[in-house]
């Protein structure tokens, strides 16, 4: 997150049926963005707690879950499983990368 002013300026979400889901795939994104997102009416869907590789397969896993209209918990499970497979780590280790739902 080098070079990004903190806190970033976020505009409130448009009124609707509920919180707008969002995901931030970057190192330690929960600490940087979750409170700010909630403050403007956005529900963090997938966030991270550690260093991580924000590569395309992670974005693909989240988008596949969204396209399948999965729950937030199911999208997180899908993302963790994909990250574990591509990073060649245990699912438990991969789960520690992503903030719990």
PDB file of N, CA and C in Angstrom:
ATOM      1  N   UNK A   1       0.818  -1.178   0.000  1.00  0.00           N
ATOM      2  CA  UNK A   1       0.000   0.000   0.000  1.00  0.00           C
ATOM      3  C   UNK A   1       0.868   1.250   0.000  1.00  0.00           C
ATOM      4  N   UNK A   2       2.082   1.095  -0.413  1.00  0.00           N
ATOM      5  CA  UNK A   2       3.000   2.225  -0.475  1.00  0.00           C
ATOM      6  C   UNK A   2       2.470   3.283  -1.427  1.00  0.00           C
ATOM      7  N   UNK A   3       2.525   4.514  -0.988  1.00  0.00           N
ATOM      8  CA  UNK A   3       2.152   5.625  -1.852  1.00  0.00           C
ATOM      9  C   UNK A   3       0.676   5.948  -1.886  1.00  0.00           C
ATOM     10  N   UNK A   4      -0.161   5.166  -1.213  1.00  0.00           N
ATOM     11  CA  UNK A   4      -1.593   5.449  -1.200  1.00  0.00           C
ATOM     12  C   UNK A   4      -1.887   6.281   0.031  1.00  0.00           C
ATOM     13  N   UNK A   5      -2.506   7.452  -0.139  1.00  0.00           N
ATOM     14  CA  UNK A   5      -2.827   8.266   1.031  1.00  0.00           C
ATOM     15  C   UNK A   5      -3.801   7.512   1.930  1.00  0.00           C
ATOM     16  N   UNK A   6      -3.613   7.654   3.223  1.00  0.00           N
ATOM     17  CA  UNK A   6      -4.490   6.965   4.149  1.00  0.00           C
ATOM     18  C   UNK A   6      -5.158   7.983   5.043  1.00  0.00           C
ATOM     19  N   UNK A   7      -6.440   7.948   5.242  1.00  0.00           N
ATOM     20  CA  UNK A   7      -7.354   7.040   4.571  1.00  0.00           C
ATOM     21  C   UNK A   7      -7.725   7.553   3.190  1.00  0.00           C
ATOM     22  N   UNK A   8      -7.964   6.631   2.258  1.00  0.00           N
ATOM     23  CA  UNK A   8      -8.389   7.084   0.936  1.00  0.00           C
ATOM     24  C   UNK A   8      -9.786   7.696   1.021  1.00  0.00           C
ATOM     25  N   UNK A   9     -10.097   8.548   0.095  1.00  0.00           N
ATOM     26  CA  UNK A   9     -11.413   9.197   0.066  1.00  0.00           C
ATOM     27  C   UNK A   9     -12.381   8.291  -0.680  1.00  0.00           C
ATOM     28  N   UNK A  10     -13.448   7.897  -0.010  1.00  0.00           N
ATOM     29  CA  UNK A  10     -14.467   7.050  -0.616  1.00  0.00           C
ATOM     30  C   UNK A  10     -15.806   7.758  -0.566  1.00  0.00           C
ATOM     31  N   UNK A  11     -16.561   7.663  -1.622  1.00  0.00           N
ATOM     32  CA  UNK A  11     -17.885   8.260  -1.689  1.00  0.00           C
ATOM     33  C   UNK A  11     -18.914   7.246  -1.194  1.00  0.00           C
ATOM     34  N   UNK A  12     -19.973   7.708  -0.544  1.00  0.00           N
ATOM     35  CA  UNK A  12     -21.018   6.791  -0.086  1.00  0.00           C
ATOM     36  C   UNK A  12     -21.654   6.038  -1.258  1.00  0.00           C
ATOM     37  N   UNK A  13     -22.043   4.783  -0.981  1.00  0.00           N
ATOM     38  CA  UNK A  13     -22.727   3.971  -1.991  1.00  0.00           C
ATOM     39  C   UNK A  13     -24.122   4.535  -2.227  1.00  0.00           C
ATOM     40  N   UNK A  14     -24.640   4.317  -3.417  1.00  0.00           N
ATOM     41  CA  UNK A  14     -25.995   4.761  -3.733  1.00  0.00           C
ATOM     42  C   UNK A  14     -26.992   3.944  -2.920  1.00  0.00           C
ATOM     43  N   UNK A  15     -28.102   4.560  -2.515  1.00  0.00           N
ATOM     44  CA  UNK A  15     -29.106   3.813  -1.762  1.00  0.00           C
ATOM     45  C   UNK A  15     -29.641   2.665  -2.603  1.00  0.00           C
ATOM     46  N   UNK A  16     -29.943   1.574  -1.957  1.00  0.00           N
ATOM     47  CA  UNK A  16     -30.460   0.415  -2.669  1.00  0.00           C
ATOM     48  C   UNK A  16     -31.081  -0.560  -1.694  1.00  0.00           C
ATOM     49  N   UNK A  17     -31.096  -1.813  -2.093  1.00  0.00           N
ATOM     50  CA  UNK A  17     -31.719  -2.842  -1.268  1.00  0.00           C
ATOM     51  C   UNK A  17     -30.843  -3.292  -0.106  1.00  0.00           C
ATOM     52  N   UNK A  18     -29.593  -2.962  -0.113  1.00  0.00           N
ATOM     53  CA  UNK A  18     -28.701  -3.383   0.962  1.00  0.00           C
ATOM     54  C   UNK A  18     -27.286  -2.978   0.657  1.00  0.00           C
ATOM     55  N   UNK A  19     -26.350  -3.454   1.483  1.00  0.00           N
ATOM     56  CA  UNK A  19     -24.958  -3.077   1.268  1.00  0.00           C
ATOM     57  C   UNK A  19     -24.437  -3.584  -0.081  1.00  0.00           C
ATOM     58  N   UNK A  20     -23.594  -2.796  -0.689  1.00  0.00           N
ATOM     59  CA  UNK A  20     -22.954  -3.171  -1.941  1.00  0.00           C
ATOM     60  C   UNK A  20     -21.753  -4.043  -1.592  1.00  0.00           C
ATOM     61  N   UNK A  21     -21.628  -5.251  -2.179  1.00  0.00           N
ATOM     62  CA  UNK A  21     -20.457  -6.072  -1.878  1.00  0.00           C
ATOM     63  C   UNK A  21     -19.230  -5.587  -2.652  1.00  0.00           C
ATOM     64  N   UNK A  22     -18.076  -5.735  -2.034  1.00  0.00           N
ATOM     65  CA  UNK A  22     -16.821  -5.354  -2.686  1.00  0.00           C
ATOM     66  C   UNK A  22     -15.728  -6.273  -2.178  1.00  0.00           C
ATOM     67  N   UNK A  23     -14.685  -6.406  -2.968  1.00  0.00           N
ATOM     68  CA  UNK A  23     -13.524  -7.168  -2.514  1.00  0.00           C
ATOM     69  C   UNK A  23     -12.270  -6.387  -2.851  1.00  0.00           C
ATOM     70  N   UNK A  24     -11.288  -6.486  -1.968  1.00  0.00           N
ATOM     71  CA  UNK A  24     -10.012  -5.825  -2.177  1.00  0.00           C
ATOM     72  C   UNK A  24      -8.933  -6.878  -2.008  1.00  0.00           C
ATOM     73  N   UNK A  25      -8.259  -7.190  -3.102  1.00  0.00           N
ATOM     74  CA  UNK A  25      -7.204  -8.198  -3.083  1.00  0.00           C
ATOM     75  C   UNK A  25      -5.863  -7.493  -3.136  1.00  0.00           C
ATOM     76  N   UNK A  26      -5.309  -7.282  -1.970  1.00  0.00           N
ATOM     77  CA  UNK A  26      -4.026  -6.610  -1.795  1.00  0.00           C
ATOM     78  C   UNK A  26      -3.507  -7.049  -0.434  1.00  0.00           C
ATOM     79  N   UNK A  27      -2.258  -6.873  -0.189  1.00  0.00           N
ATOM     80  CA  UNK A  27      -1.697  -7.243   1.115  1.00  0.00           C
ATOM     81  C   UNK A  27      -2.394  -6.453   2.224  1.00  0.00           C
ATOM     82  N   UNK A  28      -2.826  -7.168   3.252  1.00  0.00           N
ATOM     83  CA  UNK A  28      -3.442  -6.560   4.435  1.00  0.00           C
ATOM     84  C   UNK A  28      -4.627  -5.639   4.116  1.00  0.00           C
ATOM     85  N   UNK A  29      -5.439  -6.005   3.162  1.00  0.00           N
ATOM     86  CA  UNK A  29      -6.525  -5.109   2.738  1.00  0.00           C
ATOM     87  C   UNK A  29      -7.574  -4.892   3.818  1.00  0.00           C
ATOM     88  N   UNK A  30      -7.780  -5.852   4.696  1.00  0.00           N
ATOM     89  CA  UNK A  30      -8.770  -5.662   5.751  1.00  0.00           C
ATOM     90  C   UNK A  30      -8.414  -4.458   6.623  1.00  0.00           C
ATOM     91  N   UNK A  31      -7.173  -4.367   7.025  1.00  0.00           N
ATOM     92  CA  UNK A  31      -6.740  -3.260   7.871  1.00  0.00           C
ATOM     93  C   UNK A  31      -6.817  -1.915   7.188  1.00  0.00           C
ATOM     94  N   UNK A  32      -6.597  -1.899   5.899  1.00  0.00           N
ATOM     95  CA  UNK A  32      -6.614  -0.634   5.160  1.00  0.00           C
ATOM     96  C   UNK A  32      -8.024  -0.194   4.772  1.00  0.00           C
ATOM     97  N   UNK A  33      -8.883  -1.146   4.420  1.00  0.00           N
ATOM     98  CA  UNK A  33     -10.121  -0.764   3.741  1.00  0.00           C
ATOM     99  C   UNK A  33     -11.431  -1.161   4.397  1.00  0.00           C
ATOM    100  N   UNK A  34     -11.484  -2.168   5.263  1.00  0.00           N
ATOM    101  CA  UNK A  34     -12.792  -2.673   5.706  1.00  0.00           C
ATOM    102  C   UNK A  34     -13.621  -1.617   6.437  1.00  0.00           C
ATOM    103  N   UNK A  35     -13.043  -0.892   7.375  1.00  0.00           N
ATOM    104  CA  UNK A  35     -13.804   0.130   8.094  1.00  0.00           C
ATOM    105  C   UNK A  35     -14.247   1.247   7.147  1.00  0.00           C
ATOM    106  N   UNK A  36     -13.371   1.642   6.254  1.00  0.00           N
ATOM    107  CA  UNK A  36     -13.718   2.704   5.297  1.00  0.00           C
ATOM    108  C   UNK A  36     -14.856   2.274   4.389  1.00  0.00           C
ATOM    109  N   UNK A  37     -14.812   1.030   3.924  1.00  0.00           N
ATOM    110  CA  UNK A  37     -15.883   0.530   3.067  1.00  0.00           C
ATOM    111  C   UNK A  37     -17.206   0.483   3.811  1.00  0.00           C
ATOM    112  N   UNK A  38     -17.186  -0.029   5.020  1.00  0.00           N
ATOM    113  CA  UNK A  38     -18.428  -0.101   5.814  1.00  0.00           C
ATOM    114  C   UNK A  38     -18.987   1.294   6.088  1.00  0.00           C
ATOM    115  N   UNK A  39     -18.121   2.257   6.316  1.00  0.00           N
ATOM    116  CA  UNK A  39     -18.558   3.630   6.589  1.00  0.00           C
ATOM    117  C   UNK A  39     -19.358   4.230   5.438  1.00  0.00           C
ATOM    118  N   UNK A  40     -19.115   3.775   4.231  1.00  0.00           N
ATOM    119  CA  UNK A  40     -19.836   4.319   3.070  1.00  0.00           C
ATOM    120  C   UNK A  40     -20.886   3.341   2.529  1.00  0.00           C
ATOM    121  N   UNK A  41     -21.226   2.304   3.338  1.00  0.00           N
ATOM    122  CA  UNK A  41     -22.305   1.399   2.963  1.00  0.00           C
ATOM    123  C   UNK A  41     -21.909   0.256   2.062  1.00  0.00           C
ATOM    124  N   UNK A  42     -20.638  -0.082   2.045  1.00  0.00           N
ATOM    125  CA  UNK A  42     -20.156  -1.189   1.223  1.00  0.00           C
ATOM    126  C   UNK A  42     -19.776  -2.341   2.141  1.00  0.00           C
ATOM    127  N   UNK A  43     -20.259  -3.543   1.829  1.00  0.00           N
ATOM    128  CA  UNK A  43     -19.970  -4.719   2.638  1.00  0.00           C
ATOM    129  C   UNK A  43     -18.748  -5.445   2.067  1.00  0.00           C
ATOM    130  N   UNK A  44     -17.654  -5.498   2.841  1.00  0.00           N
ATOM    131  CA  UNK A  44     -16.470  -6.232   2.360  1.00  0.00           C
ATOM    132  C   UNK A  44     -16.792  -7.711   2.168  1.00  0.00           C
ATOM    133  N   UNK A  45     -16.547  -8.195   0.978  1.00  0.00           N
ATOM    134  CA  UNK A  45     -16.853  -9.574   0.610  1.00  0.00           C
ATOM    135  C   UNK A  45     -15.643 -10.473   0.841  1.00  0.00           C
ATOM    136  N   UNK A  46     -14.521 -10.105   0.282  1.00  0.00           N
ATOM    137  CA  UNK A  46     -13.269 -10.842   0.466  1.00  0.00           C
ATOM    138  C   UNK A  46     -12.178  -9.818   0.740  1.00  0.00           C
ATOM    139  N   UNK A  47     -11.521  -9.991   1.875  1.00  0.00           N
ATOM    140  CA  UNK A  47     -10.432  -9.113   2.280  1.00  0.00           C
ATOM    141  C   UNK A  47      -9.284  -9.984   2.776  1.00  0.00           C
ATOM    142  N   UNK A  48      -8.107  -9.413   2.880  1.00  0.00           N
ATOM    143  CA  UNK A  48      -6.946 -10.186   3.319  1.00  0.00           C
ATOM    144  C   UNK A  48      -6.378  -9.630   4.612  1.00  0.00           C
ATOM    145  N   UNK A  49      -5.653 -10.508   5.336  1.00  0.00           N
ATOM    146  CA  UNK A  49      -5.066 -10.118   6.617  1.00  0.00           C
ATOM    147  C   UNK A  49      -3.545 -10.171   6.617  1.00  0.00           C
ATOM    148  N   UNK A  50      -2.954 -10.679   5.572  1.00  0.00           N
ATOM    149  CA  UNK A  50      -1.508 -10.859   5.521  1.00  0.00           C
ATOM    150  C   UNK A  50      -0.999 -10.451   4.146  1.00  0.00           C
ATOM    151  N   UNK A  51       0.275 -10.684   3.942  1.00  0.00           N
ATOM    152  CA  UNK A  51       0.826 -10.537   2.599  1.00  0.00           C
ATOM    153  C   UNK A  51       0.215 -11.615   1.720  1.00  0.00           C
ATOM    154  N   UNK A  52      -0.019 -11.280   0.476  1.00  0.00           N
ATOM    155  CA  UNK A  52      -0.605 -12.262  -0.440  1.00  0.00           C
ATOM    156  C   UNK A  52      -0.259 -11.912  -1.874  1.00  0.00           C
ATOM    157  N   UNK A  53      -0.484 -12.885  -2.754  1.00  0.00           N
ATOM    158  CA  UNK A  53      -0.256 -12.683  -4.182  1.00  0.00           C
ATOM    159  C   UNK A  53      -1.611 -12.394  -4.840  1.00  0.00           C
ATOM    160  N   UNK A  54      -1.920 -11.132  -5.165  1.00  0.00           N
ATOM    161  CA  UNK A  54      -3.209 -10.801  -5.767  1.00  0.00           C
ATOM    162  C   UNK A  54      -3.198 -11.088  -7.266  1.00  0.00           C
ATOM    163  N   UNK A  55      -3.159 -12.350  -7.594  1.00  0.00           N
ATOM    164  CA  UNK A  55      -3.033 -12.765  -8.998  1.00  0.00           C
ATOM    165  C   UNK A  55      -4.405 -13.062  -9.596  1.00  0.00           C
ATOM    166  N   UNK A  56      -4.421 -13.204 -10.903  1.00  0.00           N
ATOM    167  CA  UNK A  56      -5.665 -13.350 -11.647  1.00  0.00           C
ATOM    168  C   UNK A  56      -6.541 -14.505 -11.217  1.00  0.00           C
ATOM    169  N   UNK A  57      -5.956 -15.608 -10.804  1.00  0.00           N
ATOM    170  CA  UNK A  57      -6.764 -16.752 -10.386  1.00  0.00           C
ATOM    171  C   UNK A  57      -7.578 -16.437  -9.136  1.00  0.00           C
ATOM    172  N   UNK A  58      -7.106 -15.508  -8.300  1.00  0.00           N
ATOM    173  CA  UNK A  58      -7.862 -15.119  -7.106  1.00  0.00           C
ATOM    174  C   UNK A  58      -9.070 -14.282  -7.541  1.00  0.00           C
ATOM    175  N   UNK A  59      -8.845 -13.342  -8.434  1.00  0.00           N
ATOM    176  CA  UNK A  59      -9.949 -12.534  -8.968  1.00  0.00           C
ATOM    177  C   UNK A  59     -10.961 -13.446  -9.658  1.00  0.00           C
ATOM    178  N   UNK A  60     -10.473 -14.405 -10.440  1.00  0.00           N
ATOM    179  CA  UNK A  60     -11.358 -15.344 -11.136  1.00  0.00           C
ATOM    180  C   UNK A  60     -12.216 -16.127 -10.148  1.00  0.00           C
ATOM    181  N   UNK A  61     -11.633 -16.580  -9.043  1.00  0.00           N
ATOM    182  CA  UNK A  61     -12.393 -17.340  -8.049  1.00  0.00           C
ATOM    183  C   UNK A  61     -13.523 -16.489  -7.463  1.00  0.00           C
ATOM    184  N   UNK A  62     -13.221 -15.239  -7.124  1.00  0.00           N
ATOM    185  CA  UNK A  62     -14.254 -14.352  -6.574  1.00  0.00           C
ATOM    186  C   UNK A  62     -15.341 -14.111  -7.621  1.00  0.00           C
ATOM    187  N   UNK A  63     -14.950 -13.814  -8.843  1.00  0.00           N
ATOM    188  CA  UNK A  63     -15.930 -13.522  -9.890  1.00  0.00           C
ATOM    189  C   UNK A  63     -16.769 -14.743 -10.245  1.00  0.00           C
ATOM    190  N   UNK A  64     -16.172 -15.926 -10.238  1.00  0.00           N
ATOM    191  CA  UNK A  64     -16.948 -17.153 -10.496  1.00  0.00           C
ATOM    192  C   UNK A  64     -18.012 -17.341  -9.413  1.00  0.00           C
ATOM    193  N   UNK A  65     -17.637 -17.064  -8.171  1.00  0.00           N
ATOM    194  CA  UNK A  65     -18.605 -17.162  -7.079  1.00  0.00           C
ATOM    195  C   UNK A  65     -19.724 -16.142  -7.205  1.00  0.00           C
ATOM    196  N   UNK A  66     -19.373 -14.920  -7.586  1.00  0.00           N
ATOM    197  CA  UNK A  66     -20.395 -13.897  -7.799  1.00  0.00           C
ATOM    198  C   UNK A  66     -21.320 -14.283  -8.947  1.00  0.00           C
ATOM    199  N   UNK A  67     -20.740 -14.790 -10.026  1.00  0.00           N
ATOM    200  CA  UNK A  67     -21.546 -15.190 -11.187  1.00  0.00           C
ATOM    201  C   UNK A  67     -22.496 -16.330 -10.846  1.00  0.00           C
ATOM    202  N   UNK A  68     -22.077 -17.205  -9.930  1.00  0.00           N
ATOM    203  CA  UNK A  68     -22.908 -18.325  -9.506  1.00  0.00           C
ATOM    204  C   UNK A  68     -23.883 -17.921  -8.396  1.00  0.00           C
ATOM    205  N   UNK A  69     -23.875 -16.627  -8.031  1.00  0.00           N
ATOM    206  CA  UNK A  69     -24.750 -16.094  -6.989  1.00  0.00           C
ATOM    207  C   UNK A  69     -24.561 -16.821  -5.657  1.00  0.00           C
ATOM    208  N   UNK A  70     -23.306 -17.138  -5.335  1.00  0.00           N
ATOM    209  CA  UNK A  70     -22.996 -17.820  -4.087  1.00  0.00           C
ATOM    210  C   UNK A  70     -23.057 -16.839  -2.913  1.00  0.00           C
ATOM    211  N   UNK A  71     -23.196 -17.390  -1.729  1.00  0.00           N
ATOM    212  CA  UNK A  71     -23.164 -16.565  -0.517  1.00  0.00           C
ATOM    213  C   UNK A  71     -21.742 -16.040  -0.316  1.00  0.00           C
ATOM    214  N   UNK A  72     -21.614 -15.033   0.533  1.00  0.00           N
ATOM    215  CA  UNK A  72     -20.294 -14.479   0.834  1.00  0.00           C
ATOM    216  C   UNK A  72     -19.382 -15.547   1.425  1.00  0.00           C
ATOM    217  N   UNK A  73     -19.922 -16.398   2.293  1.00  0.00           N
ATOM    218  CA  UNK A  73     -19.118 -17.465   2.895  1.00  0.00           C
ATOM    219  C   UNK A  73     -18.649 -18.465   1.840  1.00  0.00           C
ATOM    220  N   UNK A  74     -19.513 -18.789   0.895  1.00  0.00           N
ATOM    221  CA  UNK A  74     -19.144 -19.722  -0.169  1.00  0.00           C
ATOM    222  C   UNK A  74     -18.088 -19.114  -1.096  1.00  0.00           C
ATOM    223  N   UNK A  75     -18.194 -17.831  -1.365  1.00  0.00           N
ATOM    224  CA  UNK A  75     -17.196 -17.159  -2.204  1.00  0.00           C
ATOM    225  C   UNK A  75     -15.846 -17.169  -1.507  1.00  0.00           C
ATOM    226  N   UNK A  76     -15.841 -16.925  -0.205  1.00  0.00           N
ATOM    227  CA  UNK A  76     -14.584 -16.973   0.546  1.00  0.00           C
ATOM    228  C   UNK A  76     -13.990 -18.378   0.502  1.00  0.00           C
ATOM    229  N   UNK A  77     -14.830 -19.409   0.713  1.00  0.00           N
ATOM    230  CA  UNK A  77     -14.327 -20.801   0.647  1.00  0.00           C
ATOM    231  C   UNK A  77     -13.739 -21.107  -0.721  1.00  0.00           C
ATOM    232  N   UNK A  78     -14.405 -20.665  -1.770  1.00  0.00           N
ATOM    233  CA  UNK A  78     -13.923 -20.889  -3.136  1.00  0.00           C
ATOM    234  C   UNK A  78     -12.574 -20.188  -3.333  1.00  0.00           C
ATOM    235  N   UNK A  79     -12.476 -18.961  -2.843  1.00  0.00           N
ATOM    236  CA  UNK A  79     -11.241 -18.187  -2.977  1.00  0.00           C
ATOM    237  C   UNK A  79     -10.100 -18.830  -2.207  1.00  0.00           C
ATOM    238  N   UNK A  80     -10.373 -19.280  -0.991  1.00  0.00           N
ATOM    239  CA  UNK A  80      -9.355 -19.951  -0.174  1.00  0.00           C
ATOM    240  C   UNK A  80      -8.879 -21.225  -0.869  1.00  0.00           C
ATOM    241  N   UNK A  81      -9.795 -22.030  -1.359  1.00  0.00           N
ATOM    242  CA  UNK A  81      -9.419 -23.283  -2.029  1.00  0.00           C
ATOM    243  C   UNK A  81      -8.570 -23.019  -3.266  1.00  0.00           C
ATOM    244  N   UNK A  82      -8.942 -22.014  -4.036  1.00  0.00           N
ATOM    245  CA  UNK A  82      -8.173 -21.662  -5.235  1.00  0.00           C
ATOM    246  C   UNK A  82      -6.785 -21.164  -4.860  1.00  0.00           C
ATOM    247  N   UNK A  83      -6.717 -20.310  -3.857  1.00  0.00           N
ATOM    248  CA  UNK A  83      -5.427 -19.778  -3.417  1.00  0.00           C
ATOM    249  C   UNK A  83      -4.528 -20.904  -2.912  1.00  0.00           C
ATOM    250  N   UNK A  84      -5.093 -21.822  -2.156  1.00  0.00           N
ATOM    251  CA  UNK A  84      -4.322 -22.960  -1.642  1.00  0.00           C
ATOM    252  C   UNK A  84      -3.755 -23.798  -2.788  1.00  0.00           C
ATOM    253  N   UNK A  85      -4.573 -24.057  -3.783  1.00  0.00           N
ATOM    254  CA  UNK A  85      -4.138 -24.877  -4.918  1.00  0.00           C
ATOM    255  C   UNK A  85      -3.009 -24.195  -5.692  1.00  0.00           C
ATOM    256  N   UNK A  86      -3.178 -22.922  -6.045  1.00  0.00           N
ATOM    257  CA  UNK A  86      -2.185 -22.231  -6.863  1.00  0.00           C
ATOM    258  C   UNK A  86      -0.905 -21.889  -6.099  1.00  0.00           C
ATOM    259  N   UNK A  87      -1.027 -21.648  -4.802  1.00  0.00           N
ATOM    260  CA  UNK A  87       0.151 -21.316  -4.004  1.00  0.00           C
ATOM    261  C   UNK A  87       0.799 -22.564  -3.394  1.00  0.00           C
ATOM    262  N   UNK A  88       0.193 -23.718  -3.658  1.00  0.00           N
ATOM    263  CA  UNK A  88       0.706 -25.000  -3.141  1.00  0.00           C
ATOM    264  C   UNK A  88       0.875 -24.955  -1.627  1.00  0.00           C
ATOM    265  N   UNK A  89      -0.207 -24.599  -0.971  1.00  0.00           N
ATOM    266  CA  UNK A  89      -0.221 -24.548   0.493  1.00  0.00           C
ATOM    267  C   UNK A  89      -1.462 -25.265   0.987  1.00  0.00           C
ATOM    268  N   UNK A  90      -1.510 -25.554   2.260  1.00  0.00           N
ATOM    269  CA  UNK A  90      -2.680 -26.217   2.821  1.00  0.00           C
ATOM    270  C   UNK A  90      -3.864 -25.253   2.850  1.00  0.00           C
ATOM    271  N   UNK A  91      -5.063 -25.793   2.807  1.00  0.00           N
ATOM    272  CA  UNK A  91      -6.232 -24.921   2.929  1.00  0.00           C
ATOM    273  C   UNK A  91      -6.230 -24.123   4.234  1.00  0.00           C
ATOM    274  N   UNK A  92      -5.710 -24.699   5.300  1.00  0.00           N
ATOM    275  CA  UNK A  92      -5.639 -23.980   6.576  1.00  0.00           C
ATOM    276  C   UNK A  92      -4.722 -22.768   6.469  1.00  0.00           C
ATOM    277  N   UNK A  93      -3.572 -22.949   5.835  1.00  0.00           N
ATOM    278  CA  UNK A  93      -2.643 -21.828   5.654  1.00  0.00           C
ATOM    279  C   UNK A  93      -3.251 -20.770   4.738  1.00  0.00           C
ATOM    280  N   UNK A  94      -3.926 -21.203   3.678  1.00  0.00           N
ATOM    281  CA  UNK A  94      -4.557 -20.253   2.760  1.00  0.00           C
ATOM    282  C   UNK A  94      -5.688 -19.500   3.450  1.00  0.00           C
ATOM    283  N   UNK A  95      -6.439 -20.171   4.317  1.00  0.00           N
ATOM    284  CA  UNK A  95      -7.540 -19.520   5.026  1.00  0.00           C
ATOM    285  C   UNK A  95      -7.037 -18.402   5.927  1.00  0.00           C
ATOM    286  N   UNK A  96      -5.822 -18.538   6.434  1.00  0.00           N
ATOM    287  CA  UNK A  96      -5.259 -17.506   7.315  1.00  0.00           C
ATOM    288  C   UNK A  96      -4.939 -16.210   6.546  1.00  0.00           C
ATOM    289  N   UNK A  97      -4.808 -16.313   5.238  1.00  0.00           N
ATOM    290  CA  UNK A  97      -4.529 -15.140   4.405  1.00  0.00           C
ATOM    291  C   UNK A  97      -5.756 -14.238   4.306  1.00  0.00           C
ATOM    292  N   UNK A  98      -6.933 -14.847   4.266  1.00  0.00           N
ATOM    293  CA  UNK A  98      -8.172 -14.109   4.017  1.00  0.00           C
ATOM    294  C   UNK A  98      -8.922 -13.852   5.325  1.00  0.00           C
ATOM    295  N   UNK A  99      -9.460 -12.651   5.465  1.00  0.00           N
ATOM    296  CA  UNK A  99     -10.206 -12.289   6.660  1.00  0.00           C
ATOM    297  C   UNK A  99     -11.464 -13.157   6.761  1.00  0.00           C
ATOM    298  N   UNK A 100     -11.827 -13.562   7.973  1.00  0.00           N
ATOM    299  CA  UNK A 100     -13.035 -14.383   8.120  1.00  0.00           C
ATOM    300  C   UNK A 100     -14.286 -13.574   7.825  1.00  0.00           C
ATOM    301  N   UNK A 101     -15.336 -14.238   7.488  1.00  0.00           N
ATOM    302  CA  UNK A 101     -16.631 -13.605   7.212  1.00  0.00           C
ATOM    303  C   UNK A 101     -17.406 -13.472   8.479  1.00  0.00           C
TER     304      UNK A 101
END
